[in-house]
Amino acid sequence: MTEPDRRAFVTGAALAAGAVVAAPAAAQGSGGAKAATTPAAAAYPKPPFPVQRQPWPGLASKMNPRPDHGETSYKGSGKLAGKRALITGGDSGIGRAAAIAYAREGADVAINYLPAEEPDAREVIALIRAEGRKAVAIPGDLRDERFCRKLVAQAAEQLGGLDILVNNAARQQTRPTIADISSQDFDDTMKTNVYAPFWLTKAALERMGAGAVIVNTSSEQAGDPSKDIVDYAMTRAAVLNFTKGMAKQLAPRGIRVNAVAPGPFWTPLQVSGGATPEKQRVFGESSPMGRPGQPAEIAALYVAAADPALSYSTGQIFGSTGGNGQPA
């Protein structure tokens, strides 16, 4: 095989293994192309966005425009058939997109969320069950270590085991200076974004065997922090480091640990205190694509991070930043 042929083969194989985001069939021209799994990027909303405020933690169902989590577009192909997954923050945003994708890839799914997010969670549970998969809803506050242990135990019991843990839930609140970050703010962000993944991972490993996977959510903020969410950015860097260290620790047990690092994505984080009204109006504008990502556009990376076919991939950071590069 010549070098050009080899490069073409590798590129094609990578696209076939991991891609579920594509342009619509109509945009691809005629010739019997299969229906695409997401709309063309050009169809997604761009700033300016209407300024809107919701109390923390916010609901996707009340956002304008409403985010696309892949509800009508994601098409699975059995990559996670028979797997049992727990996803924190699975009611909305990126966690919801991952939950939908996992169910359509053949997994049974438990989601965790705060009680205030129940309306969004009900929609996700219905979508999972519509795929013929088992859906488990477990509301509760991840800042409580006892609840984290209970969450893992309950998910494993109701799912019949645990193969995948997705540490996705996060807290983000904008503060102009460090003086404006109270000790309570700092504690809440650290416990949600760092302590909880630590607690949940410890509990999950008591039930996981070879072939299991832990997927953490980091952020481009890990390497390029914004000045008004410094506490949040600190936690994303910690998660990146945690991912790489645990991947080395757990490799001998046959358990993989990967992370997904999003850039600006249109989720309730932004409208419930994660961005100022000024930043919200132009959210995503500074990315090379000129817009925020939609959760549907990152779901495939959560599938790839857990896909048994990628059994040599651990300690990997799967980025989706709209052109802003990878975190350090």
C-alpha atoms as a PDB file:
ATOM      1  CA  MET A   1       0.000   0.000   0.000  1.00  0.00           C
ATOM      2  CA  THR A   2       1.474   3.354  -1.000  1.00  0.00           C
ATOM      3  CA  GLU A   3       1.754   6.177   1.555  1.00  0.00           C
ATOM      4  CA  PRO A   4      -1.126   8.220  -0.014  1.00  0.00           C
ATOM      5  CA  ASP A   5      -3.278   5.081  -0.064  1.00  0.00           C
ATOM      6  CA  ARG A   6      -2.388   4.315   3.546  1.00  0.00           C
ATOM      7  CA  ARG A   7      -3.360   7.830   4.659  1.00  0.00           C
ATOM      8  CA  ALA A   8      -6.656   7.609   2.812  1.00  0.00           C
ATOM      9  CA  PHE A   9      -7.404   4.228   4.379  1.00  0.00           C
ATOM     10  CA  VAL A  10      -6.652   5.419   7.927  1.00  0.00           C
ATOM     11  CA  THR A  11      -8.700   8.576   7.498  1.00  0.00           C
ATOM     12  CA  GLY A  12     -11.656   6.644   6.144  1.00  0.00           C
ATOM     13  CA  ALA A  13     -11.496   4.077   8.930  1.00  0.00           C
ATOM     14  CA  ALA A  14     -11.393   6.762  11.608  1.00  0.00           C
ATOM     15  CA  LEU A  15     -14.391   8.522  10.150  1.00  0.00           C
ATOM     16  CA  ALA A  16     -16.348   5.294   9.912  1.00  0.00           C
ATOM     17  CA  ALA A  17     -15.536   4.316  13.489  1.00  0.00           C
ATOM     18  CA  GLY A  18     -16.377   7.517  15.268  1.00  0.00           C
ATOM     19  CA  ALA A  19     -18.490   9.854  13.194  1.00  0.00           C
ATOM     20  CA  VAL A  20     -22.218  10.197  13.610  1.00  0.00           C
ATOM     21  CA  VAL A  21     -22.365  13.886  12.749  1.00  0.00           C
ATOM     22  CA  ALA A  22     -22.831  14.635   9.082  1.00  0.00           C
ATOM     23  CA  ALA A  23     -24.474  16.987   6.648  1.00  0.00           C
ATOM     24  CA  PRO A  24     -28.041  16.225   5.542  1.00  0.00           C
ATOM     25  CA  ALA A  25     -28.511  13.815   2.682  1.00  0.00           C
ATOM     26  CA  ALA A  26     -29.907  16.607   0.555  1.00  0.00           C
ATOM     27  CA  ALA A  27     -26.710  18.598   1.018  1.00  0.00           C
ATOM     28  CA  GLN A  28     -24.636  15.578  -0.017  1.00  0.00           C
ATOM     29  CA  GLY A  29     -26.294  15.381  -3.373  1.00  0.00           C
ATOM     30  CA  SER A  30     -28.188  12.531  -4.957  1.00  0.00           C
ATOM     31  CA  GLY A  31     -27.046   8.966  -5.251  1.00  0.00           C
ATOM     32  CA  GLY A  32     -28.871   7.217  -2.443  1.00  0.00           C
ATOM     33  CA  ALA A  33     -26.801   8.613   0.449  1.00  0.00           C
ATOM     34  CA  LYS A  34     -28.078   7.510   3.835  1.00  0.00           C
ATOM     35  CA  ALA A  35     -29.996  10.002   5.946  1.00  0.00           C
ATOM     36  CA  ALA A  36     -27.622  12.104   8.034  1.00  0.00           C
ATOM     37  CA  THR A  37     -27.691  12.025  11.813  1.00  0.00           C
ATOM     38  CA  THR A  38     -27.574  15.772  12.504  1.00  0.00           C
ATOM     39  CA  PRO A  39     -28.502  18.892  10.588  1.00  0.00           C
ATOM     40  CA  ALA A  40     -25.823  20.728   8.651  1.00  0.00           C
ATOM     41  CA  ALA A  41     -23.710  22.963  10.851  1.00  0.00           C
ATOM     42  CA  ALA A  42     -25.002  25.968   8.949  1.00  0.00           C
ATOM     43  CA  ALA A  43     -28.513  25.269  10.236  1.00  0.00           C
ATOM     44  CA  TYR A  44     -27.570  25.700  13.893  1.00  0.00           C
ATOM     45  CA  PRO A  45     -28.252  29.044  15.585  1.00  0.00           C
ATOM     46  CA  LYS A  46     -25.556  31.685  15.746  1.00  0.00           C
ATOM     47  CA  PRO A  47     -25.252  34.775  17.936  1.00  0.00           C
ATOM     48  CA  PRO A  48     -26.655  37.174  18.794  1.00  0.00           C
ATOM     49  CA  PHE A  49     -28.888  35.225  21.191  1.00  0.00           C
ATOM     50  CA  PRO A  50     -31.787  36.636  23.210  1.00  0.00           C
ATOM     51  CA  VAL A  51     -30.652  37.360  26.752  1.00  0.00           C
ATOM     52  CA  GLN A  52     -32.410  35.035  29.173  1.00  0.00           C
ATOM     53  CA  ARG A  53     -31.953  34.171  32.819  1.00  0.00           C
ATOM     54  CA  GLN A  54     -32.989  31.108  34.769  1.00  0.00           C
ATOM     55  CA  PRO A  55     -32.329  30.154  38.377  1.00  0.00           C
ATOM     56  CA  TRP A  56     -29.598  27.564  38.834  1.00  0.00           C
ATOM     57  CA  PRO A  57     -29.446  24.835  37.548  1.00  0.00           C
ATOM     58  CA  GLY A  58     -31.710  25.826  34.632  1.00  0.00           C
ATOM     59  CA  LEU A  59     -33.868  23.824  32.233  1.00  0.00           C
ATOM     60  CA  ALA A  60     -33.116  23.101  28.593  1.00  0.00           C
ATOM     61  CA  SER A  61     -36.842  22.998  27.918  1.00  0.00           C
ATOM     62  CA  LYS A  62     -37.093  26.705  28.745  1.00  0.00           C
ATOM     63  CA  MET A  63     -34.127  27.894  26.685  1.00  0.00           C
ATOM     64  CA  ASN A  64     -34.477  30.033  23.568  1.00  0.00           C
ATOM     65  CA  PRO A  65     -33.377  28.641  21.185  1.00  0.00           C
ATOM     66  CA  ARG A  66     -33.872  25.190  22.638  1.00  0.00           C
ATOM     67  CA  PRO A  67     -30.700  23.064  22.387  1.00  0.00           C
ATOM     68  CA  ASP A  68     -30.505  20.115  20.008  1.00  0.00           C
ATOM     69  CA  HIS A  69     -29.510  16.997  21.952  1.00  0.00           C
ATOM     70  CA  GLY A  70     -30.002  14.631  19.022  1.00  0.00           C
ATOM     71  CA  GLU A  71     -33.582  13.787  19.980  1.00  0.00           C
ATOM     72  CA  THR A  72     -34.663  13.343  16.379  1.00  0.00           C
ATOM     73  CA  SER A  73     -31.310  12.954  14.636  1.00  0.00           C
ATOM     74  CA  TYR A  74     -28.922  10.590  16.419  1.00  0.00           C
ATOM     75  CA  LYS A  75     -28.832   7.156  14.799  1.00  0.00           C
ATOM     76  CA  GLY A  76     -27.106   4.345  16.661  1.00  0.00           C
ATOM     77  CA  SER A  77     -25.338   1.270  15.335  1.00  0.00           C
ATOM     78  CA  GLY A  78     -25.003  -1.009  18.363  1.00  0.00           C
ATOM     79  CA  LYS A  79     -21.597   0.212  19.558  1.00  0.00           C
ATOM     80  CA  LEU A  80     -22.634  -0.098  23.230  1.00  0.00           C
ATOM     81  CA  ALA A  81     -25.011  -3.049  22.998  1.00  0.00           C
ATOM     82  CA  GLY A  82     -25.637  -4.639  26.372  1.00  0.00           C
ATOM     83  CA  LYS A  83     -23.694  -2.008  28.326  1.00  0.00           C
ATOM     84  CA  ARG A  84     -24.997  -0.426  31.523  1.00  0.00           C
ATOM     85  CA  ALA A  85     -24.188   3.247  32.013  1.00  0.00           C
ATOM     86  CA  LEU A  86     -24.602   5.879  34.719  1.00  0.00           C
ATOM     87  CA  ILE A  87     -24.514   9.491  33.490  1.00  0.00           C
ATOM     88  CA  THR A  88     -24.502  12.436  35.896  1.00  0.00           C
ATOM     89  CA  GLY A  89     -26.163  15.589  34.648  1.00  0.00           C
ATOM     90  CA  GLY A  90     -28.070  13.397  32.207  1.00  0.00           C
ATOM     91  CA  ASP A  91     -31.218  15.521  32.133  1.00  0.00           C
ATOM     92  CA  SER A  92     -29.996  18.280  29.806  1.00  0.00           C
ATOM     93  CA  GLY A  93     -27.076  19.618  27.829  1.00  0.00           C
ATOM     94  CA  ILE A  94     -24.169  17.361  27.010  1.00  0.00           C
ATOM     95  CA  GLY A  95     -25.242  14.696  29.514  1.00  0.00           C
ATOM     96  CA  ARG A  96     -28.644  14.436  27.861  1.00  0.00           C
ATOM     97  CA  ALA A  97     -27.061  14.078  24.429  1.00  0.00           C
ATOM     98  CA  ALA A  98     -24.817  11.301  25.766  1.00  0.00           C
ATOM     99  CA  ALA A  99     -27.792   9.532  27.370  1.00  0.00           C
ATOM    100  CA  ILE A 100     -29.761   9.582  24.123  1.00  0.00           C
ATOM    101  CA  ALA A 101     -26.762   8.366  22.129  1.00  0.00           C
ATOM    102  CA  TYR A 102     -25.948   5.589  24.594  1.00  0.00           C
ATOM    103  CA  ALA A 103     -29.513   4.289  24.520  1.00  0.00           C
ATOM    104  CA  ARG A 104     -29.545   4.303  20.724  1.00  0.00           C
ATOM    105  CA  GLU A 105     -26.214   2.468  20.736  1.00  0.00           C
ATOM    106  CA  GLY A 106     -27.843  -0.300  22.794  1.00  0.00           C
ATOM    107  CA  ALA A 107     -27.028   0.620  26.419  1.00  0.00           C
ATOM    108  CA  ASP A 108     -29.303   0.713  29.447  1.00  0.00           C
ATOM    109  CA  VAL A 109     -28.918   4.106  31.102  1.00  0.00           C
ATOM    110  CA  ALA A 110     -29.301   5.615  34.570  1.00  0.00           C
ATOM    111  CA  ILE A 111     -29.245   9.402  34.822  1.00  0.00           C
ATOM    112  CA  ASN A 112     -28.629  11.622  37.816  1.00  0.00           C
ATOM    113  CA  TYR A 113     -29.844  15.199  38.114  1.00  0.00           C
ATOM    114  CA  LEU A 114     -30.977  17.740  40.690  1.00  0.00           C
ATOM    115  CA  PRO A 115     -34.644  17.555  41.776  1.00  0.00           C
ATOM    116  CA  ALA A 116     -35.272  20.971  40.179  1.00  0.00           C
ATOM    117  CA  GLU A 117     -34.396  19.416  36.802  1.00  0.00           C
ATOM    118  CA  GLU A 118     -37.171  16.821  36.948  1.00  0.00           C
ATOM    119  CA  PRO A 119     -39.112  18.196  33.909  1.00  0.00           C
ATOM    120  CA  ASP A 120     -36.069  17.783  31.655  1.00  0.00           C
ATOM    121  CA  ALA A 121     -35.245  14.396  33.184  1.00  0.00           C
ATOM    122  CA  ARG A 122     -38.698  13.027  32.395  1.00  0.00           C
ATOM    123  CA  GLU A 123     -38.150  13.793  28.714  1.00  0.00           C
ATOM    124  CA  VAL A 124     -34.831  11.925  28.709  1.00  0.00           C
ATOM    125  CA  ILE A 125     -36.272   8.885  30.468  1.00  0.00           C
ATOM    126  CA  ALA A 126     -39.035   8.725  27.863  1.00  0.00           C
ATOM    127  CA  LEU A 127     -36.496   8.923  25.031  1.00  0.00           C
ATOM    128  CA  ILE A 128     -34.391   6.104  26.492  1.00  0.00           C
ATOM    129  CA  ARG A 129     -37.426   3.867  26.977  1.00  0.00           C
ATOM    130  CA  ALA A 130     -38.587   4.605  23.431  1.00  0.00           C
ATOM    131  CA  GLU A 131     -35.455   2.767  22.283  1.00  0.00           C
ATOM    132  CA  GLY A 132     -36.476  -0.303  24.257  1.00  0.00           C
ATOM    133  CA  ARG A 133     -33.709   0.266  26.800  1.00  0.00           C
ATOM    134  CA  LYS A 134     -33.966   0.308  30.575  1.00  0.00           C
ATOM    135  CA  ALA A 135     -34.026   3.859  31.975  1.00  0.00           C
ATOM    136  CA  VAL A 136     -33.356   4.716  35.617  1.00  0.00           C
ATOM    137  CA  ALA A 137     -33.879   8.189  37.091  1.00  0.00           C
ATOM    138  CA  ILE A 138     -32.011   9.008  40.314  1.00  0.00           C
ATOM    139  CA  PRO A 139     -32.301  12.629  41.459  1.00  0.00           C
ATOM    140  CA  GLY A 140     -29.966  13.955  44.133  1.00  0.00           C
ATOM    141  CA  ASP A 141     -27.160  16.350  45.038  1.00  0.00           C
ATOM    142  CA  LEU A 142     -23.639  15.231  44.127  1.00  0.00           C
ATOM    143  CA  ARG A 143     -22.096  17.539  46.732  1.00  0.00           C
ATOM    144  CA  ASP A 144     -22.992  14.880  49.308  1.00  0.00           C
ATOM    145  CA  GLU A 145     -20.533  11.962  49.491  1.00  0.00           C
ATOM    146  CA  ARG A 146     -23.122   9.628  50.995  1.00  0.00           C
ATOM    147  CA  PHE A 147     -25.490  10.346  48.123  1.00  0.00           C
ATOM    148  CA  CYS A 148     -22.730   9.674  45.573  1.00  0.00           C
ATOM    149  CA  ARG A 149     -22.155   6.216  47.021  1.00  0.00           C
ATOM    150  CA  LYS A 150     -25.893   5.582  47.152  1.00  0.00           C
ATOM    151  CA  LEU A 151     -26.257   6.745  43.534  1.00  0.00           C
ATOM    152  CA  VAL A 152     -23.713   4.244  42.231  1.00  0.00           C
ATOM    153  CA  ALA A 153     -25.177   1.421  44.304  1.00  0.00           C
ATOM    154  CA  GLN A 154     -28.714   2.167  43.175  1.00  0.00           C
ATOM    155  CA  ALA A 155     -27.746   2.503  39.517  1.00  0.00           C
ATOM    156  CA  ALA A 156     -25.818  -0.772  39.558  1.00  0.00           C
ATOM    157  CA  GLU A 157     -28.651  -2.573  41.334  1.00  0.00           C
ATOM    158  CA  GLN A 158     -31.366  -1.376  38.963  1.00  0.00           C
ATOM    159  CA  LEU A 159     -29.279  -1.826  35.820  1.00  0.00           C
ATOM    160  CA  GLY A 160     -27.929  -5.215  36.895  1.00  0.00           C
ATOM    161  CA  GLY A 161     -24.345  -4.001  36.973  1.00  0.00           C
ATOM    162  CA  LEU A 162     -22.239  -1.055  35.822  1.00  0.00           C
ATOM    163  CA  ASP A 163     -20.002  -0.918  32.755  1.00  0.00           C
ATOM    164  CA  ILE A 164     -19.743   2.820  32.089  1.00  0.00           C
ATOM    165  CA  LEU A 165     -19.600   5.820  34.410  1.00  0.00           C
ATOM    166  CA  VAL A 166     -19.903   9.272  32.827  1.00  0.00           C
ATOM    167  CA  ASN A 167     -18.878  12.025  35.252  1.00  0.00           C
ATOM    168  CA  ASN A 168     -20.530  14.918  33.464  1.00  0.00           C
ATOM    169  CA  ALA A 169     -22.486  17.079  35.937  1.00  0.00           C
ATOM    170  CA  ALA A 170     -20.898  20.472  36.604  1.00  0.00           C
ATOM    171  CA  ARG A 171     -21.503  23.804  38.295  1.00  0.00           C
ATOM    172  CA  GLN A 172     -20.435  27.072  36.652  1.00  0.00           C
ATOM    173  CA  GLN A 173     -21.177  30.544  37.989  1.00  0.00           C
ATOM    174  CA  THR A 174     -19.602  33.687  36.578  1.00  0.00           C
ATOM    175  CA  ARG A 175     -17.848  36.030  39.026  1.00  0.00           C
ATOM    176  CA  PRO A 176     -15.951  39.136  37.837  1.00  0.00           C
ATOM    177  CA  THR A 177     -13.076  38.828  40.330  1.00  0.00           C
ATOM    178  CA  ILE A 178     -11.710  36.389  42.882  1.00  0.00           C
ATOM    179  CA  ALA A 179     -13.049  38.710  45.578  1.00  0.00           C
ATOM    180  CA  ASP A 180     -16.549  37.928  44.333  1.00  0.00           C
ATOM    181  CA  ILE A 181     -16.134  34.163  44.763  1.00  0.00           C
ATOM    182  CA  SER A 182     -17.360  33.324  48.241  1.00  0.00           C
ATOM    183  CA  SER A 183     -16.043  30.327  50.137  1.00  0.00           C
ATOM    184  CA  GLN A 184     -19.475  28.754  49.704  1.00  0.00           C
ATOM    185  CA  ASP A 185     -19.339  29.345  45.926  1.00  0.00           C
ATOM    186  CA  PHE A 186     -15.899  27.797  45.762  1.00  0.00           C
ATOM    187  CA  ASP A 187     -16.925  24.840  47.899  1.00  0.00           C
ATOM    188  CA  ASP A 188     -20.056  24.156  45.842  1.00  0.00           C
ATOM    189  CA  THR A 189     -18.128  24.251  42.555  1.00  0.00           C
ATOM    190  CA  MET A 190     -15.307  22.074  43.839  1.00  0.00           C
ATOM    191  CA  LYS A 191     -17.631  19.497  45.358  1.00  0.00           C
ATOM    192  CA  THR A 192     -19.793  19.250  42.234  1.00  0.00           C
ATOM    193  CA  ASN A 193     -16.971  19.246  39.685  1.00  0.00           C
ATOM    194  CA  VAL A 194     -14.062  17.544  41.483  1.00  0.00           C
ATOM    195  CA  TYR A 195     -15.155  15.812  44.679  1.00  0.00           C
ATOM    196  CA  ALA A 196     -18.163  14.127  43.067  1.00  0.00           C
ATOM    197  CA  PRO A 197     -16.191  12.498  40.215  1.00  0.00           C
ATOM    198  CA  PHE A 198     -13.667  11.333  42.819  1.00  0.00           C
ATOM    199  CA  TRP A 199     -16.366   9.857  45.073  1.00  0.00           C
ATOM    200  CA  LEU A 200     -18.315   8.335  42.193  1.00  0.00           C
ATOM    201  CA  THR A 201     -15.219   6.781  40.652  1.00  0.00           C
ATOM    202  CA  LYS A 202     -14.229   5.185  43.964  1.00  0.00           C
ATOM    203  CA  ALA A 203     -17.700   3.710  44.373  1.00  0.00           C
ATOM    204  CA  ALA A 204     -17.965   2.578  40.751  1.00  0.00           C
ATOM    205  CA  LEU A 205     -14.628   0.762  40.833  1.00  0.00           C
ATOM    206  CA  GLU A 206     -15.975  -1.516  43.551  1.00  0.00           C
ATOM    207  CA  ARG A 207     -18.418  -2.829  40.944  1.00  0.00           C
ATOM    208  CA  MET A 208     -16.486  -2.559  37.682  1.00  0.00           C
ATOM    209  CA  GLY A 209     -14.470  -5.283  36.005  1.00  0.00           C
ATOM    210  CA  ALA A 210     -12.234  -5.562  32.970  1.00  0.00           C
ATOM    211  CA  GLY A 211     -13.771  -3.837  29.964  1.00  0.00           C
ATOM    212  CA  ALA A 212     -15.417  -1.083  31.995  1.00  0.00           C
ATOM    213  CA  VAL A 213     -14.916   2.568  31.106  1.00  0.00           C
ATOM    214  CA  ILE A 214     -15.008   5.871  32.978  1.00  0.00           C
ATOM    215  CA  VAL A 215     -15.658   8.989  30.880  1.00  0.00           C
ATOM    216  CA  ASN A 216     -15.057  12.408  32.436  1.00  0.00           C
ATOM    217  CA  THR A 217     -16.133  15.800  31.139  1.00  0.00           C
ATOM    218  CA  SER A 218     -13.399  18.424  31.138  1.00  0.00           C
ATOM    219  CA  SER A 219     -13.348  21.613  29.035  1.00  0.00           C
ATOM    220  CA  GLU A 220     -11.213  23.853  26.876  1.00  0.00           C
ATOM    221  CA  GLN A 221     -11.194  25.976  30.037  1.00  0.00           C
ATOM    222  CA  ALA A 222      -8.627  23.518  31.439  1.00  0.00           C
ATOM    223  CA  GLY A 223      -5.943  25.074  29.249  1.00  0.00           C
ATOM    224  CA  ASP A 224      -7.391  28.476  28.347  1.00  0.00           C
ATOM    225  CA  PRO A 225      -9.338  29.765  31.364  1.00  0.00           C
ATOM    226  CA  SER A 226     -11.721  32.696  31.117  1.00  0.00           C
ATOM    227  CA  LYS A 227     -11.118  35.434  33.663  1.00  0.00           C
ATOM    228  CA  ASP A 228     -14.634  35.376  35.147  1.00  0.00           C
ATOM    229  CA  ILE A 229     -15.019  31.633  35.827  1.00  0.00           C
ATOM    230  CA  VAL A 230     -11.635  30.870  37.362  1.00  0.00           C
ATOM    231  CA  ASP A 231     -12.988  28.432  39.948  1.00  0.00           C
ATOM    232  CA  TYR A 232     -14.814  26.451  37.262  1.00  0.00           C
ATOM    233  CA  ALA A 233     -11.721  26.449  35.027  1.00  0.00           C
ATOM    234  CA  MET A 234      -9.618  25.104  37.913  1.00  0.00           C
ATOM    235  CA  THR A 235     -11.948  22.151  38.249  1.00  0.00           C
ATOM    236  CA  ARG A 236     -11.790  21.323  34.548  1.00  0.00           C
ATOM    237  CA  ALA A 237      -7.981  21.207  34.729  1.00  0.00           C
ATOM    238  CA  ALA A 238      -8.242  18.937  37.770  1.00  0.00           C
ATOM    239  CA  VAL A 239     -10.545  16.564  35.883  1.00  0.00           C
ATOM    240  CA  LEU A 240      -8.081  16.422  32.985  1.00  0.00           C
ATOM    241  CA  ASN A 241      -5.279  15.485  35.352  1.00  0.00           C
ATOM    242  CA  PHE A 242      -7.501  12.996  37.198  1.00  0.00           C
ATOM    243  CA  THR A 243      -8.349  11.308  33.901  1.00  0.00           C
ATOM    244  CA  LYS A 244      -4.740  10.798  32.880  1.00  0.00           C
ATOM    245  CA  GLY A 245      -3.642   9.564  36.304  1.00  0.00           C
ATOM    246  CA  MET A 246      -6.531   7.127  36.709  1.00  0.00           C
ATOM    247  CA  ALA A 247      -5.989   5.784  33.191  1.00  0.00           C
ATOM    248  CA  LYS A 248      -2.481   4.734  34.215  1.00  0.00           C
ATOM    249  CA  GLN A 249      -3.664   3.328  37.551  1.00  0.00           C
ATOM    250  CA  LEU A 250      -6.507   1.268  36.091  1.00  0.00           C
ATOM    251  CA  ALA A 251      -4.915  -0.007  32.873  1.00  0.00           C
ATOM    252  CA  PRO A 252      -3.658  -3.195  34.581  1.00  0.00           C
ATOM    253  CA  ARG A 253      -7.259  -3.925  35.607  1.00  0.00           C
ATOM    254  CA  GLY A 254      -8.489  -3.570  32.026  1.00  0.00           C
ATOM    255  CA  ILE A 255     -10.524  -0.459  32.886  1.00  0.00           C
ATOM    256  CA  ARG A 256     -10.176   2.527  30.596  1.00  0.00           C
ATOM    257  CA  VAL A 257     -10.528   6.210  31.569  1.00  0.00           C
ATOM    258  CA  ASN A 258     -11.034   8.929  28.975  1.00  0.00           C
ATOM    259  CA  ALA A 259     -12.264  12.519  28.941  1.00  0.00           C
ATOM    260  CA  VAL A 260     -14.218  14.735  26.587  1.00  0.00           C
ATOM    261  CA  ALA A 261     -13.238  18.404  26.475  1.00  0.00           C
ATOM    262  CA  PRO A 262     -15.986  20.652  25.076  1.00  0.00           C
ATOM    263  CA  GLY A 263     -15.600  24.226  23.978  1.00  0.00           C
ATOM    264  CA  PRO A 264     -18.571  26.612  24.084  1.00  0.00           C
ATOM    265  CA  PHE A 265     -21.779  24.554  24.031  1.00  0.00           C
ATOM    266  CA  TRP A 266     -25.348  25.833  24.222  1.00  0.00           C
ATOM    267  CA  THR A 267     -26.639  24.348  27.497  1.00  0.00           C
ATOM    268  CA  PRO A 268     -28.430  25.527  30.655  1.00  0.00           C
ATOM    269  CA  LEU A 269     -25.034  26.311  32.220  1.00  0.00           C
ATOM    270  CA  GLN A 270     -24.963  29.571  30.298  1.00  0.00           C
ATOM    271  CA  VAL A 271     -28.458  30.825  31.115  1.00  0.00           C
ATOM    272  CA  SER A 272     -28.402  29.884  34.797  1.00  0.00           C
ATOM    273  CA  GLY A 273     -25.459  32.013  35.884  1.00  0.00           C
ATOM    274  CA  GLY A 274     -22.579  30.553  33.899  1.00  0.00           C
ATOM    275  CA  ALA A 275     -22.308  33.559  31.625  1.00  0.00           C
ATOM    276  CA  THR A 276     -23.033  37.260  31.993  1.00  0.00           C
ATOM    277  CA  PRO A 277     -25.889  38.648  29.870  1.00  0.00           C
ATOM    278  CA  GLU A 278     -23.293  40.322  27.652  1.00  0.00           C
ATOM    279  CA  LYS A 279     -21.361  37.094  27.064  1.00  0.00           C
ATOM    280  CA  GLN A 280     -24.566  35.125  26.629  1.00  0.00           C
ATOM    281  CA  ARG A 281     -25.692  37.363  23.771  1.00  0.00           C
ATOM    282  CA  VAL A 282     -22.537  36.619  21.767  1.00  0.00           C
ATOM    283  CA  PHE A 283     -21.891  33.143  23.168  1.00  0.00           C
ATOM    284  CA  GLY A 284     -19.673  31.084  20.864  1.00  0.00           C
ATOM    285  CA  GLU A 285     -18.970  33.995  18.542  1.00  0.00           C
ATOM    286  CA  SER A 286     -15.225  33.914  19.212  1.00  0.00           C
ATOM    287  CA  SER A 287     -14.837  30.285  18.098  1.00  0.00           C
ATOM    288  CA  PRO A 288     -13.596  29.799  14.528  1.00  0.00           C
ATOM    289  CA  MET A 289     -17.057  28.445  13.664  1.00  0.00           C
ATOM    290  CA  GLY A 290     -18.641  31.640  14.966  1.00  0.00           C
ATOM    291  CA  ARG A 291     -21.256  29.868  17.080  1.00  0.00           C
ATOM    292  CA  PRO A 292     -21.620  27.561  20.079  1.00  0.00           C
ATOM    293  CA  GLY A 293     -21.819  23.841  19.630  1.00  0.00           C
ATOM    294  CA  GLN A 294     -25.077  21.995  20.085  1.00  0.00           C
ATOM    295  CA  PRO A 295     -25.054  18.984  22.428  1.00  0.00           C
ATOM    296  CA  ALA A 296     -25.954  16.703  19.518  1.00  0.00           C
ATOM    297  CA  GLU A 297     -22.594  17.574  17.962  1.00  0.00           C
ATOM    298  CA  ILE A 298     -20.559  16.079  20.806  1.00  0.00           C
ATOM    299  CA  ALA A 299     -22.564  12.948  21.650  1.00  0.00           C
ATOM    300  CA  ALA A 300     -20.478  10.811  19.285  1.00  0.00           C
ATOM    301  CA  LEU A 301     -17.346  11.564  21.285  1.00  0.00           C
ATOM    302  CA  TYR A 302     -18.921  10.165  24.456  1.00  0.00           C
ATOM    303  CA  VAL A 303     -19.770   7.054  22.473  1.00  0.00           C
ATOM    304  CA  ALA A 304     -16.226   6.845  21.105  1.00  0.00           C
ATOM    305  CA  ALA A 305     -14.725   7.319  24.576  1.00  0.00           C
ATOM    306  CA  ALA A 306     -16.636   4.245  25.798  1.00  0.00           C
ATOM    307  CA  ASP A 307     -16.665   2.157  22.607  1.00  0.00           C
ATOM    308  CA  PRO A 308     -15.175  -1.332  23.222  1.00  0.00           C
ATOM    309  CA  ALA A 309     -13.756  -1.215  19.699  1.00  0.00           C
ATOM    310  CA  LEU A 310     -11.348   1.512  20.851  1.00  0.00           C
ATOM    311  CA  SER A 311      -9.856  -0.775  23.478  1.00  0.00           C
ATOM    312  CA  TYR A 312      -6.351   0.734  23.199  1.00  0.00           C
ATOM    313  CA  SER A 313      -7.603   4.257  23.892  1.00  0.00           C
ATOM    314  CA  THR A 314      -7.214   5.242  27.533  1.00  0.00           C
ATOM    315  CA  GLY A 315      -6.068   8.503  29.089  1.00  0.00           C
ATOM    316  CA  GLN A 316      -7.289  10.166  25.895  1.00  0.00           C
ATOM    317  CA  ILE A 317      -8.843  13.615  25.641  1.00  0.00           C
ATOM    318  CA  PHE A 318     -11.545  13.825  22.966  1.00  0.00           C
ATOM    319  CA  GLY A 319     -11.914  17.496  22.065  1.00  0.00           C
ATOM    320  CA  SER A 320     -14.814  19.369  20.494  1.00  0.00           C
ATOM    321  CA  THR A 321     -14.081  23.089  20.571  1.00  0.00           C
ATOM    322  CA  GLY A 322     -15.276  24.472  17.249  1.00  0.00           C
ATOM    323  CA  GLY A 323     -11.696  25.028  16.122  1.00  0.00           C
ATOM    324  CA  ASN A 324     -10.167  26.359  19.340  1.00  0.00           C
ATOM    325  CA  GLY A 325      -7.783  23.431  19.739  1.00  0.00           C
ATOM    326  CA  GLN A 326      -7.188  20.980  22.563  1.00  0.00           C
ATOM    327  CA  PRO A 327      -6.720  21.829  26.255  1.00  0.00           C
ATOM    328  CA  ALA A 328      -3.128  21.684  27.524  1.00  0.00           C
END
